[in-house]
Amino acid sequence: MRVEYDPEAMSSAAFYRFLTSVVVPRPIAWVSTTTPDGHTENLAPHSFFSIASTDPPILQFTSIGRKDSLRNVEDTGEFVVNFSSEPLLHLINATATDFPRAVSEFDVAGVEREASRCVRPPRVAGSPVVLECRSHTTLRMGNSTLVFGRVVHAAAEENYIVDGLPSSESLRPLTKLGGDEWGTLGEVLHLRRIPYEEPGPR
């Protein structure tokens, strides 16, 4: 027997908890931004995150409400997605607190910075892969805003690269599940996609 859920009959918060319990696992964009005056460097995890386009390379993350990351991207047009790796769990969680915009999560959580190559917001020095982005567009949808950023530069630590590409098993990606649950990589399955072949003449 199934339990039925009607979003029209539930509060938005209750259905949000349901959705985030079943749309799992979700990769985490650990987004660094800078205030327009350059005085504060913000850092926050966003678990609604994906690739929006490959040519040009565009990433997308969602701000539920008007978070500092969104305001800074709107004002400066730049951000960095820092890869969320399992060893960084406690630092990532520490930067999820809703601090005022003038408070730097880098400073409060003790996250080491490094300079970016092409944008103003700093990278997370301990993150194995960083993706520097310039804002492409934003799209308001309900209580959320989708932020699309074109990747203008990427960098990966060389010891995470296998056969020319970052290795998932080496990166140990961290994911978000429902509620206070977090996920790790677990077993990696290798299965080739089956190509379609036109039937030959009989």
N, C-alpha and C. Protein backbone atom coordinates (compact mmCIF):
# COMPACT_ATOMS: atom_id res chain seq x y z
N MET A 1 0.85 -1.20 0.00
CA MET A 1 0.00 0.00 0.00
C MET A 1 0.88 1.25 0.00
N ARG A 2 0.54 2.19 -0.87
CA ARG A 2 1.28 3.45 -0.93
C ARG A 2 0.67 4.50 -0.01
N VAL A 3 1.52 5.37 0.51
CA VAL A 3 1.05 6.56 1.22
C VAL A 3 1.02 7.69 0.20
N GLU A 4 -0.11 8.34 0.05
CA GLU A 4 -0.27 9.39 -0.95
C GLU A 4 0.04 10.76 -0.33
N TYR A 5 0.70 11.63 -1.13
CA TYR A 5 1.06 12.98 -0.68
C TYR A 5 0.51 14.00 -1.69
N ASP A 6 -0.29 14.91 -1.23
CA ASP A 6 -0.88 15.94 -2.09
C ASP A 6 -0.24 17.29 -1.73
N PRO A 7 0.59 17.84 -2.63
CA PRO A 7 1.25 19.11 -2.29
C PRO A 7 0.28 20.25 -2.06
N GLU A 8 -0.92 20.17 -2.65
CA GLU A 8 -1.91 21.22 -2.44
C GLU A 8 -2.53 21.16 -1.04
N ALA A 9 -2.48 19.96 -0.44
CA ALA A 9 -3.08 19.80 0.89
C ALA A 9 -2.06 19.90 2.02
N MET A 10 -0.78 20.02 1.65
CA MET A 10 0.30 20.08 2.64
C MET A 10 0.90 21.48 2.67
N SER A 11 1.55 21.80 3.75
CA SER A 11 2.30 23.06 3.78
C SER A 11 3.50 22.92 2.86
N SER A 12 3.98 24.05 2.36
CA SER A 12 5.15 24.01 1.46
C SER A 12 6.36 23.44 2.18
N ALA A 13 6.49 23.72 3.49
CA ALA A 13 7.63 23.21 4.25
C ALA A 13 7.56 21.69 4.37
N ALA A 14 6.35 21.16 4.58
CA ALA A 14 6.21 19.71 4.71
C ALA A 14 6.50 19.02 3.40
N PHE A 15 6.03 19.59 2.28
CA PHE A 15 6.30 18.93 0.99
C PHE A 15 7.75 19.11 0.59
N TYR A 16 8.38 20.20 1.00
CA TYR A 16 9.82 20.38 0.80
C TYR A 16 10.59 19.25 1.48
N ARG A 17 10.23 18.93 2.70
CA ARG A 17 10.92 17.84 3.41
C ARG A 17 10.71 16.51 2.71
N PHE A 18 9.51 16.31 2.15
CA PHE A 18 9.25 15.08 1.40
C PHE A 18 10.11 15.03 0.14
N LEU A 19 10.10 16.10 -0.64
CA LEU A 19 10.86 16.13 -1.89
C LEU A 19 12.35 15.89 -1.66
N THR A 20 12.91 16.55 -0.64
CA THR A 20 14.35 16.42 -0.42
C THR A 20 14.72 15.09 0.21
N SER A 21 13.72 14.31 0.61
CA SER A 21 13.98 12.96 1.10
C SER A 21 13.98 11.94 -0.02
N VAL A 22 13.38 12.28 -1.16
CA VAL A 22 13.32 11.31 -2.26
C VAL A 22 14.17 11.71 -3.46
N VAL A 23 14.45 13.00 -3.63
CA VAL A 23 15.36 13.42 -4.71
C VAL A 23 16.77 13.38 -4.13
N VAL A 24 17.30 12.18 -4.07
CA VAL A 24 18.59 11.93 -3.43
C VAL A 24 19.40 10.92 -4.25
N PRO A 25 20.72 10.95 -4.16
CA PRO A 25 21.52 11.95 -3.46
C PRO A 25 21.65 13.21 -4.31
N ARG A 26 21.92 14.33 -3.66
CA ARG A 26 22.09 15.59 -4.38
C ARG A 26 23.51 16.09 -4.19
N PRO A 27 24.22 16.37 -5.30
CA PRO A 27 25.56 16.95 -5.16
C PRO A 27 25.47 18.33 -4.54
N ILE A 28 26.55 18.76 -3.93
CA ILE A 28 26.56 20.02 -3.19
C ILE A 28 27.50 21.01 -3.86
N ALA A 29 26.95 22.16 -4.25
CA ALA A 29 27.79 23.25 -4.74
C ALA A 29 28.20 24.09 -3.53
N TRP A 30 29.47 24.08 -3.21
CA TRP A 30 29.98 24.90 -2.11
C TRP A 30 30.40 26.21 -2.74
N VAL A 31 29.54 27.22 -2.66
CA VAL A 31 29.67 28.42 -3.47
C VAL A 31 30.34 29.55 -2.69
N SER A 32 31.42 30.06 -3.26
CA SER A 32 32.07 31.24 -2.66
C SER A 32 31.77 32.46 -3.53
N THR A 33 31.47 33.57 -2.84
CA THR A 33 31.14 34.83 -3.50
C THR A 33 31.78 35.97 -2.72
N THR A 34 31.68 37.15 -3.28
CA THR A 34 32.25 38.35 -2.64
C THR A 34 31.22 39.48 -2.68
N THR A 35 31.11 40.22 -1.61
CA THR A 35 30.22 41.38 -1.60
C THR A 35 30.73 42.43 -2.59
N PRO A 36 29.85 43.30 -3.08
CA PRO A 36 30.28 44.28 -4.09
C PRO A 36 31.44 45.16 -3.66
N ASP A 37 31.52 45.49 -2.36
CA ASP A 37 32.63 46.33 -1.90
C ASP A 37 33.91 45.55 -1.68
N GLY A 38 33.84 44.22 -1.83
CA GLY A 38 35.02 43.38 -1.67
C GLY A 38 35.44 43.14 -0.24
N HIS A 39 34.67 43.64 0.72
CA HIS A 39 35.08 43.53 2.13
C HIS A 39 34.75 42.17 2.75
N THR A 40 33.75 41.47 2.21
CA THR A 40 33.34 40.20 2.81
C THR A 40 33.28 39.11 1.76
N GLU A 41 33.88 37.98 2.08
CA GLU A 41 33.86 36.82 1.19
C GLU A 41 32.98 35.76 1.83
N ASN A 42 31.88 35.45 1.16
CA ASN A 42 30.89 34.52 1.69
C ASN A 42 31.10 33.11 1.12
N LEU A 43 30.62 32.13 1.85
CA LEU A 43 30.77 30.73 1.45
C LEU A 43 29.59 29.95 1.98
N ALA A 44 28.88 29.23 1.09
CA ALA A 44 27.69 28.50 1.53
C ALA A 44 27.44 27.29 0.64
N PRO A 45 26.94 26.19 1.21
CA PRO A 45 26.58 25.01 0.41
C PRO A 45 25.17 25.12 -0.14
N HIS A 46 25.00 24.66 -1.37
CA HIS A 46 23.68 24.63 -2.02
C HIS A 46 23.50 23.23 -2.61
N SER A 47 22.47 22.51 -2.15
CA SER A 47 22.31 21.13 -2.57
C SER A 47 21.35 20.94 -3.74
N PHE A 48 20.84 22.05 -4.31
CA PHE A 48 20.12 21.96 -5.58
C PHE A 48 21.11 22.44 -6.64
N PHE A 49 21.82 21.51 -7.26
CA PHE A 49 23.00 21.85 -8.06
C PHE A 49 23.16 20.85 -9.20
N SER A 50 23.45 21.36 -10.40
CA SER A 50 23.64 20.46 -11.53
C SER A 50 24.35 21.18 -12.67
N ILE A 51 24.63 20.42 -13.76
CA ILE A 51 25.11 20.98 -15.02
C ILE A 51 23.91 21.38 -15.84
N ALA A 52 23.89 22.61 -16.34
CA ALA A 52 22.78 23.07 -17.16
C ALA A 52 23.08 22.97 -18.65
N SER A 53 24.36 23.09 -19.02
CA SER A 53 24.77 23.04 -20.42
C SER A 53 26.24 22.62 -20.48
N THR A 54 26.59 21.90 -21.54
CA THR A 54 27.99 21.51 -21.71
C THR A 54 28.72 22.36 -22.74
N ASP A 55 27.99 22.99 -23.66
CA ASP A 55 28.61 23.83 -24.68
C ASP A 55 27.68 25.00 -24.98
N PRO A 56 27.88 26.14 -24.31
CA PRO A 56 28.98 26.45 -23.38
C PRO A 56 28.80 25.75 -22.04
N PRO A 57 29.89 25.61 -21.27
CA PRO A 57 29.78 24.94 -19.97
C PRO A 57 29.10 25.84 -18.94
N ILE A 58 27.91 25.46 -18.54
CA ILE A 58 27.12 26.27 -17.61
C ILE A 58 26.64 25.40 -16.46
N LEU A 59 26.90 25.86 -15.24
CA LEU A 59 26.42 25.19 -14.05
C LEU A 59 25.19 25.92 -13.52
N GLN A 60 24.40 25.22 -12.71
CA GLN A 60 23.21 25.82 -12.12
C GLN A 60 23.10 25.42 -10.66
N PHE A 61 22.86 26.40 -9.79
CA PHE A 61 22.48 26.09 -8.42
C PHE A 61 21.26 26.94 -8.07
N THR A 62 20.52 26.49 -7.07
CA THR A 62 19.28 27.17 -6.69
C THR A 62 19.42 27.77 -5.31
N SER A 63 19.03 29.02 -5.18
CA SER A 63 18.95 29.69 -3.89
C SER A 63 17.50 29.68 -3.46
N ILE A 64 17.21 29.01 -2.34
CA ILE A 64 15.86 29.03 -1.78
C ILE A 64 15.76 30.28 -0.92
N GLY A 65 14.96 31.23 -1.36
CA GLY A 65 14.97 32.54 -0.73
C GLY A 65 16.15 33.35 -1.26
N ARG A 66 16.34 34.51 -0.72
CA ARG A 66 17.41 35.39 -1.20
C ARG A 66 18.62 35.27 -0.29
N LYS A 67 19.41 34.23 -0.54
CA LYS A 67 20.61 33.99 0.24
C LYS A 67 21.73 34.94 -0.18
N ASP A 68 22.76 35.03 0.67
CA ASP A 68 23.90 35.91 0.36
C ASP A 68 24.56 35.53 -0.95
N SER A 69 24.64 34.24 -1.24
CA SER A 69 25.26 33.80 -2.50
C SER A 69 24.54 34.44 -3.68
N LEU A 70 23.22 34.40 -3.66
CA LEU A 70 22.44 34.98 -4.76
C LEU A 70 22.65 36.49 -4.85
N ARG A 71 22.57 37.18 -3.72
CA ARG A 71 22.73 38.63 -3.75
C ARG A 71 24.10 39.02 -4.30
N ASN A 72 25.13 38.30 -3.87
CA ASN A 72 26.48 38.63 -4.34
C ASN A 72 26.66 38.33 -5.83
N VAL A 73 26.07 37.23 -6.30
CA VAL A 73 26.16 36.93 -7.73
C VAL A 73 25.43 38.00 -8.54
N GLU A 74 24.26 38.41 -8.07
CA GLU A 74 23.52 39.46 -8.78
C GLU A 74 24.31 40.76 -8.82
N ASP A 75 25.02 41.08 -7.74
CA ASP A 75 25.73 42.35 -7.64
C ASP A 75 27.10 42.34 -8.31
N THR A 76 27.76 41.18 -8.35
CA THR A 76 29.13 41.12 -8.88
C THR A 76 29.25 40.30 -10.16
N GLY A 77 28.32 39.37 -10.38
CA GLY A 77 28.36 38.54 -11.58
C GLY A 77 29.37 37.41 -11.54
N GLU A 78 29.88 37.07 -10.33
CA GLU A 78 30.91 36.04 -10.26
C GLU A 78 30.70 35.13 -9.05
N PHE A 79 31.14 33.87 -9.20
CA PHE A 79 31.14 32.94 -8.07
C PHE A 79 32.06 31.77 -8.39
N VAL A 80 32.39 31.01 -7.36
CA VAL A 80 33.21 29.80 -7.51
C VAL A 80 32.45 28.63 -6.90
N VAL A 81 32.38 27.52 -7.62
CA VAL A 81 31.86 26.27 -7.05
C VAL A 81 33.06 25.44 -6.61
N ASN A 82 33.15 25.20 -5.32
CA ASN A 82 34.23 24.39 -4.75
C ASN A 82 33.69 22.99 -4.50
N PHE A 83 34.42 21.98 -4.95
CA PHE A 83 33.95 20.59 -4.84
C PHE A 83 33.79 20.20 -3.38
N SER A 84 32.66 19.58 -3.07
CA SER A 84 32.36 19.16 -1.70
C SER A 84 32.83 17.73 -1.50
N SER A 85 33.93 17.57 -0.82
CA SER A 85 34.55 16.28 -0.60
C SER A 85 34.30 15.80 0.83
N GLU A 86 34.20 14.50 1.00
CA GLU A 86 33.87 13.92 2.31
C GLU A 86 34.74 14.45 3.45
N PRO A 87 36.05 14.59 3.29
CA PRO A 87 36.86 15.11 4.42
C PRO A 87 36.49 16.53 4.83
N LEU A 88 35.74 17.23 4.00
CA LEU A 88 35.38 18.63 4.29
C LEU A 88 34.01 18.76 4.94
N LEU A 89 33.38 17.63 5.29
CA LEU A 89 32.00 17.62 5.79
C LEU A 89 31.75 18.65 6.89
N HIS A 90 32.56 18.66 7.93
CA HIS A 90 32.29 19.53 9.07
C HIS A 90 32.48 21.01 8.72
N LEU A 91 33.41 21.31 7.83
CA LEU A 91 33.58 22.69 7.38
C LEU A 91 32.38 23.13 6.54
N ILE A 92 31.93 22.24 5.66
CA ILE A 92 30.78 22.58 4.82
C ILE A 92 29.55 22.82 5.69
N ASN A 93 29.33 21.95 6.66
CA ASN A 93 28.18 22.11 7.55
C ASN A 93 28.29 23.41 8.36
N ALA A 94 29.49 23.77 8.74
CA ALA A 94 29.68 24.99 9.52
C ALA A 94 29.36 26.24 8.71
N THR A 95 29.50 26.16 7.39
CA THR A 95 29.21 27.33 6.55
C THR A 95 27.75 27.37 6.10
N ALA A 96 26.94 26.39 6.53
CA ALA A 96 25.52 26.37 6.18
C ALA A 96 24.68 27.26 7.09
N THR A 97 25.27 27.74 8.18
CA THR A 97 24.55 28.63 9.09
C THR A 97 24.19 29.93 8.37
N ASP A 98 23.01 30.45 8.64
CA ASP A 98 22.54 31.66 7.98
C ASP A 98 23.10 32.90 8.67
N PHE A 99 24.39 33.15 8.44
CA PHE A 99 25.04 34.32 9.02
C PHE A 99 24.61 35.59 8.27
N PRO A 100 24.72 36.77 8.90
CA PRO A 100 24.49 38.01 8.17
C PRO A 100 25.47 38.15 7.01
N ARG A 101 25.08 38.94 6.02
CA ARG A 101 25.89 39.08 4.81
C ARG A 101 27.28 39.63 5.10
N ALA A 102 27.39 40.46 6.12
CA ALA A 102 28.68 41.09 6.45
C ALA A 102 29.61 40.16 7.21
N VAL A 103 29.15 38.94 7.52
CA VAL A 103 29.99 37.97 8.22
C VAL A 103 30.53 36.97 7.21
N SER A 104 31.84 36.76 7.22
CA SER A 104 32.47 35.82 6.30
C SER A 104 32.49 34.42 6.90
N GLU A 105 31.87 33.48 6.20
CA GLU A 105 31.91 32.08 6.65
C GLU A 105 33.33 31.52 6.59
N PHE A 106 34.15 32.04 5.68
CA PHE A 106 35.56 31.63 5.65
C PHE A 106 36.19 31.87 7.01
N ASP A 107 35.94 33.05 7.57
CA ASP A 107 36.56 33.42 8.84
C ASP A 107 35.95 32.68 10.02
N VAL A 108 34.61 32.62 10.05
CA VAL A 108 33.94 31.99 11.19
C VAL A 108 34.27 30.50 11.27
N ALA A 109 34.27 29.81 10.13
CA ALA A 109 34.50 28.37 10.11
C ALA A 109 35.98 28.00 10.01
N GLY A 110 36.84 29.00 9.78
CA GLY A 110 38.26 28.72 9.66
C GLY A 110 38.63 28.00 8.38
N VAL A 111 37.98 28.40 7.26
CA VAL A 111 38.24 27.79 5.96
C VAL A 111 39.36 28.56 5.26
N GLU A 112 40.38 27.85 4.85
CA GLU A 112 41.52 28.50 4.18
C GLU A 112 41.16 28.89 2.76
N ARG A 113 41.51 30.12 2.37
CA ARG A 113 41.26 30.62 1.03
C ARG A 113 42.49 30.44 0.15
N GLU A 114 42.24 30.51 -1.16
CA GLU A 114 43.31 30.75 -2.12
C GLU A 114 42.74 31.62 -3.23
N ALA A 115 43.59 32.38 -3.89
CA ALA A 115 43.12 33.29 -4.93
C ALA A 115 42.62 32.51 -6.14
N SER A 116 41.55 33.01 -6.74
CA SER A 116 41.08 32.45 -8.00
C SER A 116 41.91 32.99 -9.14
N ARG A 117 41.82 32.33 -10.30
CA ARG A 117 42.60 32.76 -11.46
C ARG A 117 41.88 33.84 -12.27
N CYS A 118 40.52 33.71 -12.43
CA CYS A 118 39.81 34.58 -13.36
C CYS A 118 38.67 35.39 -12.74
N VAL A 119 38.32 35.12 -11.48
CA VAL A 119 37.21 35.84 -10.85
C VAL A 119 37.67 36.35 -9.48
N ARG A 120 36.90 37.28 -8.92
CA ARG A 120 37.28 37.87 -7.63
C ARG A 120 37.04 36.97 -6.42
N PRO A 121 35.92 36.24 -6.34
CA PRO A 121 35.72 35.41 -5.15
C PRO A 121 36.85 34.38 -5.00
N PRO A 122 37.28 34.13 -3.78
CA PRO A 122 38.37 33.17 -3.57
C PRO A 122 37.90 31.73 -3.71
N ARG A 123 38.85 30.86 -3.92
CA ARG A 123 38.60 29.43 -3.89
C ARG A 123 38.77 28.92 -2.46
N VAL A 124 38.23 27.74 -2.20
CA VAL A 124 38.54 27.02 -0.96
C VAL A 124 39.83 26.24 -1.21
N ALA A 125 40.86 26.55 -0.45
CA ALA A 125 42.17 25.95 -0.69
C ALA A 125 42.14 24.43 -0.55
N GLY A 126 41.31 23.90 0.34
CA GLY A 126 41.29 22.46 0.58
C GLY A 126 40.37 21.69 -0.33
N SER A 127 39.67 22.37 -1.23
CA SER A 127 38.76 21.67 -2.14
C SER A 127 39.55 21.09 -3.32
N PRO A 128 39.33 19.81 -3.67
CA PRO A 128 40.15 19.19 -4.70
C PRO A 128 39.91 19.70 -6.11
N VAL A 129 38.70 20.23 -6.39
CA VAL A 129 38.39 20.78 -7.71
C VAL A 129 37.61 22.07 -7.52
N VAL A 130 37.96 23.09 -8.30
CA VAL A 130 37.25 24.37 -8.23
C VAL A 130 36.83 24.79 -9.62
N LEU A 131 35.64 25.39 -9.71
CA LEU A 131 35.07 25.83 -10.98
C LEU A 131 34.73 27.31 -10.86
N GLU A 132 35.49 28.15 -11.52
CA GLU A 132 35.28 29.59 -11.47
C GLU A 132 34.23 29.98 -12.51
N CYS A 133 33.23 30.75 -12.09
CA CYS A 133 32.08 31.04 -12.94
C CYS A 133 31.77 32.53 -13.02
N ARG A 134 31.23 32.92 -14.17
CA ARG A 134 30.63 34.24 -14.34
C ARG A 134 29.14 34.04 -14.60
N SER A 135 28.35 34.90 -14.02
CA SER A 135 26.90 34.76 -14.12
C SER A 135 26.43 34.80 -15.57
N HIS A 136 25.60 33.84 -15.93
CA HIS A 136 25.00 33.80 -17.26
C HIS A 136 23.60 34.41 -17.21
N THR A 137 22.79 33.92 -16.28
CA THR A 137 21.45 34.46 -16.07
C THR A 137 20.91 33.94 -14.75
N THR A 138 19.85 34.56 -14.26
CA THR A 138 19.13 34.05 -13.10
C THR A 138 17.66 33.95 -13.48
N LEU A 139 16.99 32.99 -12.86
CA LEU A 139 15.59 32.74 -13.18
C LEU A 139 14.81 32.56 -11.88
N ARG A 140 13.88 33.47 -11.64
CA ARG A 140 13.05 33.38 -10.44
C ARG A 140 11.95 32.35 -10.66
N MET A 141 11.76 31.45 -9.72
CA MET A 141 10.74 30.42 -9.83
C MET A 141 10.17 30.17 -8.44
N GLY A 142 8.94 30.65 -8.20
CA GLY A 142 8.33 30.49 -6.89
C GLY A 142 9.16 31.19 -5.82
N ASN A 143 9.49 30.46 -4.76
CA ASN A 143 10.26 31.05 -3.66
C ASN A 143 11.77 30.91 -3.88
N SER A 144 12.16 30.49 -5.06
CA SER A 144 13.57 30.19 -5.33
C SER A 144 14.07 30.94 -6.56
N THR A 145 15.40 31.02 -6.66
CA THR A 145 16.03 31.61 -7.84
C THR A 145 17.10 30.66 -8.34
N LEU A 146 17.01 30.30 -9.62
CA LEU A 146 18.02 29.47 -10.25
C LEU A 146 19.14 30.37 -10.76
N VAL A 147 20.35 30.06 -10.40
CA VAL A 147 21.52 30.84 -10.79
C VAL A 147 22.32 30.01 -11.81
N PHE A 148 22.50 30.56 -13.00
CA PHE A 148 23.26 29.89 -14.04
C PHE A 148 24.58 30.61 -14.22
N GLY A 149 25.68 29.87 -14.17
CA GLY A 149 26.99 30.48 -14.30
C GLY A 149 27.84 29.76 -15.34
N ARG A 150 28.46 30.52 -16.20
CA ARG A 150 29.35 29.94 -17.21
C ARG A 150 30.72 29.69 -16.57
N VAL A 151 31.22 28.48 -16.72
CA VAL A 151 32.54 28.13 -16.19
C VAL A 151 33.60 28.77 -17.07
N VAL A 152 34.40 29.65 -16.48
CA VAL A 152 35.44 30.33 -17.24
C VAL A 152 36.83 29.77 -16.92
N HIS A 153 36.91 28.99 -15.84
CA HIS A 153 38.19 28.37 -15.49
C HIS A 153 37.93 27.24 -14.50
N ALA A 154 38.72 26.17 -14.61
CA ALA A 154 38.62 25.05 -13.68
C ALA A 154 40.02 24.63 -13.27
N ALA A 155 40.14 24.10 -12.07
CA ALA A 155 41.44 23.62 -11.60
C ALA A 155 41.21 22.42 -10.69
N ALA A 156 42.07 21.41 -10.82
CA ALA A 156 41.97 20.19 -10.02
C ALA A 156 43.34 19.81 -9.49
N GLU A 157 43.36 19.33 -8.25
CA GLU A 157 44.62 18.83 -7.68
C GLU A 157 45.08 17.61 -8.47
N GLU A 158 46.36 17.59 -8.84
CA GLU A 158 46.84 16.55 -9.74
C GLU A 158 46.75 15.14 -9.17
N ASN A 159 46.81 15.01 -7.84
CA ASN A 159 46.77 13.67 -7.27
C ASN A 159 45.36 13.07 -7.26
N TYR A 160 44.36 13.84 -7.71
CA TYR A 160 43.00 13.32 -7.85
C TYR A 160 42.69 12.92 -9.29
N ILE A 161 43.64 13.10 -10.19
CA ILE A 161 43.40 12.86 -11.61
C ILE A 161 43.91 11.47 -12.01
N VAL A 162 43.03 10.72 -12.67
CA VAL A 162 43.36 9.37 -13.17
C VAL A 162 42.98 9.33 -14.65
N ASP A 163 43.91 8.95 -15.49
CA ASP A 163 43.68 8.89 -16.94
C ASP A 163 43.15 10.22 -17.48
N GLY A 164 43.69 11.30 -16.96
CA GLY A 164 43.36 12.62 -17.48
C GLY A 164 42.13 13.28 -16.90
N LEU A 165 41.39 12.57 -16.03
CA LEU A 165 40.17 13.13 -15.46
C LEU A 165 40.13 12.94 -13.96
N PRO A 166 39.45 13.84 -13.23
CA PRO A 166 39.29 13.62 -11.79
C PRO A 166 38.58 12.30 -11.53
N SER A 167 39.07 11.54 -10.58
CA SER A 167 38.51 10.24 -10.24
C SER A 167 37.48 10.38 -9.12
N SER A 168 36.27 9.86 -9.35
CA SER A 168 35.22 9.93 -8.33
C SER A 168 35.66 9.28 -7.04
N GLU A 169 36.33 8.14 -7.16
CA GLU A 169 36.74 7.42 -5.96
C GLU A 169 37.79 8.19 -5.18
N SER A 170 38.65 8.92 -5.87
CA SER A 170 39.64 9.75 -5.18
C SER A 170 39.01 11.00 -4.59
N LEU A 171 38.04 11.58 -5.31
CA LEU A 171 37.41 12.82 -4.85
C LEU A 171 36.54 12.62 -3.62
N ARG A 172 35.97 11.42 -3.47
CA ARG A 172 35.09 11.10 -2.33
C ARG A 172 33.99 12.17 -2.19
N PRO A 173 33.12 12.28 -3.21
CA PRO A 173 32.10 13.32 -3.17
C PRO A 173 31.13 13.15 -2.01
N LEU A 174 30.74 14.28 -1.47
CA LEU A 174 29.77 14.34 -0.39
C LEU A 174 28.44 14.76 -0.99
N THR A 175 27.34 14.14 -0.55
CA THR A 175 26.04 14.49 -1.08
C THR A 175 25.07 14.78 0.06
N LYS A 176 23.97 15.44 -0.29
CA LYS A 176 22.93 15.73 0.69
C LYS A 176 21.76 14.80 0.47
N LEU A 177 21.22 14.30 1.56
CA LEU A 177 20.04 13.44 1.53
C LEU A 177 18.89 14.19 2.20
N GLY A 178 17.98 13.51 2.86
CA GLY A 178 16.87 14.19 3.51
C GLY A 178 17.23 14.65 4.91
N GLY A 179 16.53 15.68 5.38
CA GLY A 179 16.74 16.17 6.74
C GLY A 179 18.19 16.48 7.03
N ASP A 180 18.70 15.90 8.13
CA ASP A 180 20.10 16.11 8.52
C ASP A 180 21.02 15.03 7.96
N GLU A 181 20.54 14.26 6.98
CA GLU A 181 21.33 13.16 6.44
C GLU A 181 22.27 13.64 5.34
N TRP A 182 23.48 13.09 5.37
CA TRP A 182 24.47 13.34 4.32
C TRP A 182 24.85 11.99 3.74
N GLY A 183 25.31 11.98 2.50
CA GLY A 183 25.70 10.74 1.86
C GLY A 183 27.13 10.76 1.38
N THR A 184 27.74 9.59 1.32
CA THR A 184 29.08 9.44 0.76
C THR A 184 29.00 8.52 -0.45
N LEU A 185 30.12 8.33 -1.11
CA LEU A 185 30.10 7.67 -2.42
C LEU A 185 29.66 6.22 -2.37
N GLY A 186 30.17 5.46 -1.43
CA GLY A 186 29.83 4.04 -1.39
C GLY A 186 30.44 3.29 -2.57
N GLU A 187 29.81 2.17 -2.92
CA GLU A 187 30.33 1.33 -4.00
C GLU A 187 30.14 2.01 -5.35
N VAL A 188 31.17 1.96 -6.20
CA VAL A 188 31.09 2.52 -7.54
C VAL A 188 30.82 1.38 -8.53
N LEU A 189 29.76 1.51 -9.30
CA LEU A 189 29.39 0.50 -10.29
C LEU A 189 29.81 0.97 -11.68
N HIS A 190 30.39 0.08 -12.45
CA HIS A 190 30.81 0.39 -13.82
C HIS A 190 29.94 -0.41 -14.79
N LEU A 191 29.20 0.30 -15.64
CA LEU A 191 28.31 -0.36 -16.60
C LEU A 191 28.24 0.50 -17.85
N ARG A 192 28.69 -0.06 -18.97
CA ARG A 192 28.70 0.69 -20.22
C ARG A 192 27.28 0.88 -20.76
N ARG A 193 27.04 2.04 -21.37
CA ARG A 193 25.76 2.29 -22.03
C ARG A 193 25.66 1.39 -23.26
N ILE A 194 24.47 0.85 -23.51
CA ILE A 194 24.27 -0.04 -24.64
C ILE A 194 23.92 0.79 -25.87
N PRO A 195 24.75 0.74 -26.92
CA PRO A 195 24.47 1.55 -28.11
C PRO A 195 23.33 0.95 -28.94
N TYR A 196 22.59 1.82 -29.63
CA TYR A 196 21.56 1.34 -30.54
C TYR A 196 22.20 1.02 -31.87
N GLU A 197 21.89 -0.11 -32.42
CA GLU A 197 22.41 -0.49 -33.73
C GLU A 197 21.25 -0.68 -34.68
N GLU A 198 21.36 -0.01 -35.85
CA GLU A 198 20.32 -0.16 -36.86
C GLU A 198 20.29 -1.62 -37.31
N PRO A 199 19.09 -2.17 -37.44
CA PRO A 199 19.04 -3.56 -37.93
C PRO A 199 19.55 -3.66 -39.35
N GLY A 200 20.36 -4.66 -39.61
CA GLY A 200 20.91 -4.86 -40.96
C GLY A 200 19.91 -5.55 -41.87
N PRO A 201 20.27 -5.67 -43.13
CA PRO A 201 19.37 -6.33 -44.09
C PRO A 201 19.18 -7.80 -43.73
N ARG A 202 18.00 -8.31 -43.95
CA ARG A 202 17.72 -9.71 -43.66
C ARG A 202 17.98 -10.58 -44.89
